[in-house]
Amino acid sequence: MHCNVRFLSFLSMCLGAVAVGTMALAVGTDSWLFTEEETIKNIENGTLKFTAHIRTGLWRLCIIVGYDYPDICVNVGYENADEGREEGQETSMAIMRANRVSTVFPVITLVLLVTGFTVSAIGNIQGDIKTLIGSVVYISGGLTFAVGIILYISSINDEVGHRQYNESGDLVFQYSYGWSFYFAGLAFLFTMLSSVVQISLFLKRNSKKDDMIKIIPGLDGVLSDPEDEIPGGASNPTIIL
């Protein structure tokens, strides 16, 4: 079944809107990573060993208190973070320090998705090349997110591996990715789907010979005139190889 232009336009707008919404929700929430870490603190009369449950986002770190108490959240000051690893630091804190570079990529991705959605919407209304430009911006946003998520996961694995190498294994540390992380992954998927639909829509709108000549300069010299090739004319142009 061939999809018509109106359906493809509607589908591309829906996919783009979902991509922007899920990425915005992922960037603005604090559930990218959940950690459970046993920590030892020196106190006046000895040492205190306790388990800290922490959830982190791109901009905040929250201690999960439990027992119907609200979580204690603090903003992460990346501008004050020093380079290098601080020995003896909790792994949850070390992960936040290590992720200060990768956090900028989801933000750039969100900006590109909003830009791509706006350009694509204008292109769908006007039916011009802005549809193709919007798909290119979508793809750029998807590639930017892919780079950022690779850096994010790599920094987590690096800090966890450093802890396992230095610690004797007595202290427990566990981590899992939260729903914000998976929402960002869904945004990437919807972004790529929207870009594919946008390209299909553009090609469907510009399937005639005159349209292809406008898109690709010089193509008129490659495409032959069907009336000159076949007596009586033909319905489709041929390409001279």
Protein backbone atom coordinates (compact mmCIF):
# COMPACT_ATOMS: atom_id res chain seq x y z
CA MET A 1 0.00 0.00 0.00
CA HIS A 2 1.41 3.37 -1.03
CA CYS A 3 1.22 6.11 1.57
CA ASN A 4 -0.08 9.43 0.32
CA VAL A 5 1.58 12.77 0.98
CA ARG A 6 -0.91 13.88 3.61
CA PHE A 7 -0.43 10.73 5.69
CA LEU A 8 3.37 10.98 5.50
CA SER A 9 3.21 14.63 6.54
CA PHE A 10 1.04 13.78 9.54
CA LEU A 11 3.26 10.82 10.50
CA SER A 12 6.47 12.85 10.29
CA MET A 13 5.00 15.61 12.45
CA CYS A 14 3.82 13.11 15.07
CA LEU A 15 7.17 11.33 15.20
CA GLY A 16 9.03 14.63 15.42
CA ALA A 17 6.79 15.91 18.21
CA VAL A 18 7.26 12.70 20.21
CA ALA A 19 11.03 12.89 19.70
CA VAL A 20 11.17 16.48 20.95
CA GLY A 21 8.89 15.73 23.91
CA THR A 22 10.73 12.64 25.10
CA MET A 23 14.15 14.28 24.75
CA ALA A 24 12.97 17.38 26.64
CA LEU A 25 11.59 15.15 29.39
CA ALA A 26 14.85 13.21 29.58
CA VAL A 27 17.02 16.34 29.74
CA GLY A 28 14.86 17.97 32.42
CA THR A 29 14.48 15.03 34.82
CA ASP A 30 16.80 13.43 37.38
CA SER A 31 16.41 9.71 36.74
CA TRP A 32 19.26 8.89 34.38
CA LEU A 33 21.17 6.68 36.79
CA PHE A 34 20.28 4.92 40.05
CA THR A 35 23.11 3.86 42.35
CA GLU A 36 23.31 1.92 45.59
CA GLU A 37 26.60 2.35 47.42
CA GLU A 38 27.91 1.36 50.84
CA THR A 39 29.92 4.21 52.32
CA ILE A 40 32.11 4.54 55.40
CA LYS A 41 32.35 7.92 57.14
CA ASN A 42 34.61 8.83 60.03
CA ILE A 43 32.75 10.29 63.00
CA GLU A 44 33.86 11.51 66.39
CA ASN A 45 33.49 8.17 68.17
CA GLY A 46 34.53 5.88 65.33
CA THR A 47 33.24 5.06 61.86
CA LEU A 48 29.76 4.91 60.40
CA LYS A 49 28.88 2.48 57.61
CA PHE A 50 25.67 3.05 55.69
CA THR A 51 24.13 2.46 52.26
CA ALA A 52 23.34 5.50 50.12
CA HIS A 53 20.63 5.28 47.46
CA ILE A 54 21.15 7.99 44.86
CA ARG A 55 19.52 8.95 41.59
CA THR A 56 21.24 11.35 39.24
CA GLY A 57 20.27 13.40 36.24
CA LEU A 58 22.26 15.70 34.02
CA TRP A 59 22.03 18.66 36.38
CA ARG A 60 21.05 17.36 39.82
CA LEU A 61 21.91 14.60 42.25
CA CYS A 62 19.22 13.32 44.61
CA ILE A 63 19.58 11.18 47.72
CA ILE A 64 16.62 8.82 48.04
CA VAL A 65 15.57 9.01 51.68
CA GLY A 66 12.56 6.70 51.62
CA TYR A 67 9.89 6.29 54.31
CA ASP A 68 7.62 8.76 52.50
CA TYR A 69 10.20 11.53 52.92
CA PRO A 70 11.04 13.69 49.89
CA ASP A 71 14.36 13.13 48.18
CA ILE A 72 17.19 15.51 49.00
CA CYS A 73 18.43 17.05 45.74
CA VAL A 74 21.39 19.32 45.03
CA ASN A 75 22.50 20.97 41.82
CA VAL A 76 25.71 19.75 40.23
CA GLY A 77 28.30 22.50 39.75
CA TYR A 78 30.24 21.35 36.71
CA GLU A 79 32.01 24.69 36.43
CA ASN A 80 33.75 24.06 39.76
CA ALA A 81 34.75 20.48 39.02
CA ASP A 82 38.48 19.86 38.81
CA GLU A 83 40.08 17.70 36.17
CA GLY A 84 41.10 14.18 37.15
CA ARG A 85 39.85 11.59 39.57
CA GLU A 86 39.77 12.31 43.29
CA GLU A 87 41.03 9.34 45.28
CA GLY A 88 38.70 8.03 47.98
CA GLN A 89 35.67 9.75 46.50
CA GLU A 90 32.35 7.92 46.42
CA THR A 91 31.74 6.27 43.08
CA SER A 92 28.37 8.01 42.63
CA MET A 93 30.05 11.40 43.00
CA ALA A 94 32.94 10.37 40.77
CA ILE A 95 30.49 9.39 38.03
CA MET A 96 28.87 12.83 38.17
CA ARG A 97 32.29 14.49 37.86
CA ALA A 98 33.23 12.27 34.93
CA ASN A 99 29.98 13.03 33.08
CA ARG A 100 30.45 16.79 32.95
CA VAL A 101 31.57 16.54 29.29
CA SER A 102 28.83 14.22 28.06
CA THR A 103 25.97 16.25 29.58
CA VAL A 104 26.21 18.94 26.90
CA PHE A 105 25.38 16.52 24.08
CA PRO A 106 21.73 15.83 25.07
CA VAL A 107 21.19 19.59 25.31
CA ILE A 108 22.63 20.14 21.83
CA THR A 109 20.49 17.26 20.60
CA LEU A 110 17.35 18.87 22.04
CA VAL A 111 18.16 22.17 20.33
CA LEU A 112 18.69 20.38 17.00
CA LEU A 113 15.44 18.43 17.38
CA VAL A 114 13.45 21.59 18.05
CA THR A 115 15.11 23.24 15.05
CA GLY A 116 14.49 20.22 12.84
CA PHE A 117 10.86 20.00 13.92
CA THR A 118 10.29 23.69 13.17
CA VAL A 119 11.95 23.53 9.75
CA SER A 120 10.11 20.31 8.89
CA ALA A 121 6.76 21.80 9.90
CA ILE A 122 7.36 24.78 7.62
CA GLY A 123 8.45 22.43 4.84
CA ASN A 124 5.33 20.32 5.22
CA ILE A 125 3.13 23.39 5.00
CA GLN A 126 4.93 24.92 2.02
CA GLY A 127 5.83 21.61 0.37
CA ASP A 128 9.39 22.67 -0.46
CA ILE A 129 12.98 21.63 0.24
CA LYS A 130 12.71 22.58 3.92
CA THR A 131 11.31 19.08 4.45
CA LEU A 132 14.64 17.61 3.37
CA ILE A 133 16.59 20.18 5.41
CA GLY A 134 14.58 19.23 8.48
CA SER A 135 15.45 15.56 8.01
CA VAL A 136 19.16 16.46 7.78
CA VAL A 137 18.88 18.41 11.04
CA TYR A 138 17.14 15.42 12.64
CA ILE A 139 19.97 13.12 11.56
CA SER A 140 22.54 15.58 12.93
CA GLY A 141 20.70 15.58 16.26
CA GLY A 142 20.64 11.79 16.32
CA LEU A 143 24.37 11.55 15.64
CA THR A 144 25.08 14.13 18.34
CA PHE A 145 23.07 12.13 20.84
CA ALA A 146 24.85 8.91 19.84
CA VAL A 147 28.23 10.51 20.59
CA GLY A 148 26.98 11.84 23.92
CA ILE A 149 25.46 8.56 25.07
CA ILE A 150 28.66 6.67 24.21
CA LEU A 151 30.67 9.11 26.32
CA TYR A 152 28.11 8.87 29.13
CA ILE A 153 28.18 5.06 29.29
CA SER A 154 31.96 4.95 28.89
CA SER A 155 32.54 7.33 31.79
CA ILE A 156 30.28 5.25 34.05
CA ASN A 157 32.05 2.02 33.12
CA ASP A 158 35.42 3.69 33.65
CA GLU A 159 34.57 4.85 37.17
CA VAL A 160 33.01 1.51 38.11
CA GLY A 161 36.05 -0.34 36.78
CA HIS A 162 38.38 1.98 38.69
CA ARG A 163 36.47 1.25 41.91
CA GLN A 164 36.61 -2.50 41.37
CA TYR A 165 40.34 -2.28 40.71
CA ASN A 166 41.13 -0.30 43.84
CA GLU A 167 38.66 -1.69 46.38
CA SER A 168 38.86 -5.07 48.05
CA GLY A 169 35.22 -5.79 47.27
CA ASP A 170 33.88 -5.40 50.81
CA LEU A 171 31.77 -2.37 49.95
CA VAL A 172 28.74 -2.93 47.75
CA PHE A 173 28.11 -0.77 44.69
CA GLN A 174 25.29 -1.36 42.22
CA TYR A 175 23.88 0.83 39.49
CA SER A 176 21.12 0.75 36.91
CA TYR A 177 19.93 3.15 34.23
CA GLY A 178 16.73 5.02 34.96
CA TRP A 179 13.69 5.91 32.89
CA SER A 180 15.16 9.26 31.82
CA PHE A 181 17.98 7.37 30.12
CA TYR A 182 15.55 5.13 28.26
CA PHE A 183 13.36 8.08 27.31
CA ALA A 184 16.40 9.64 25.66
CA GLY A 185 16.91 6.38 23.77
CA LEU A 186 13.29 6.47 22.61
CA ALA A 187 13.80 10.05 21.46
CA PHE A 188 16.74 8.88 19.35
CA LEU A 189 14.60 6.14 17.79
CA PHE A 190 11.73 8.51 16.98
CA THR A 191 14.21 11.02 15.56
CA MET A 192 15.62 8.51 13.11
CA LEU A 193 12.14 7.32 12.12
CA SER A 194 11.00 10.89 11.54
CA SER A 195 14.02 11.62 9.35
CA VAL A 196 13.29 8.55 7.21
CA VAL A 197 9.65 9.59 6.79
CA GLN A 198 10.71 13.14 5.92
CA ILE A 199 13.05 11.91 3.19
CA SER A 200 10.37 9.58 1.81
CA LEU A 201 7.90 12.45 1.83
CA PHE A 202 10.28 14.74 -0.01
CA LEU A 203 11.03 12.13 -2.68
CA LYS A 204 7.32 11.41 -3.12
CA ARG A 205 6.58 15.09 -3.63
CA ASN A 206 9.40 15.46 -6.14
CA SER A 207 9.11 12.29 -8.20
CA LYS A 208 8.60 14.00 -11.58
CA LYS A 209 11.39 14.78 -14.02
CA ASP A 210 11.07 18.56 -13.67
CA ASP A 211 11.21 18.27 -9.89
CA MET A 212 14.36 16.15 -10.01
CA ILE A 213 16.02 18.67 -12.31
CA LYS A 214 15.28 21.45 -9.81
CA ILE A 215 16.77 19.41 -6.96
CA ILE A 216 19.92 18.25 -8.80
CA PRO A 217 21.48 20.91 -11.06
CA GLY A 218 22.69 19.49 -14.37
CA LEU A 219 20.41 16.48 -14.26
CA ASP A 220 18.58 17.69 -17.35
CA GLY A 221 21.62 16.69 -19.40
CA VAL A 222 21.50 13.15 -18.05
CA LEU A 223 17.78 12.57 -18.38
CA SER A 224 16.75 12.09 -21.98
CA ASP A 225 13.51 13.33 -23.47
CA PRO A 226 11.15 10.34 -23.64
CA GLU A 227 9.51 11.65 -26.82
CA ASP A 228 12.89 11.50 -28.57
CA GLU A 229 13.64 7.98 -27.32
CA ILE A 230 10.36 6.23 -28.11
CA PRO A 231 8.07 7.05 -31.00
CA GLY A 232 4.79 8.34 -29.76
CA GLY A 233 6.22 9.33 -26.36
CA ALA A 234 6.49 7.44 -23.09
CA SER A 235 5.16 7.92 -19.62
CA ASN A 236 8.49 7.71 -17.73
CA PRO A 237 11.88 9.38 -18.35
CA THR A 238 14.94 7.22 -18.97
CA ILE A 239 18.46 7.74 -17.69
CA ILE A 240 21.30 7.64 -20.21
CA LEU A 241 24.24 5.73 -18.73
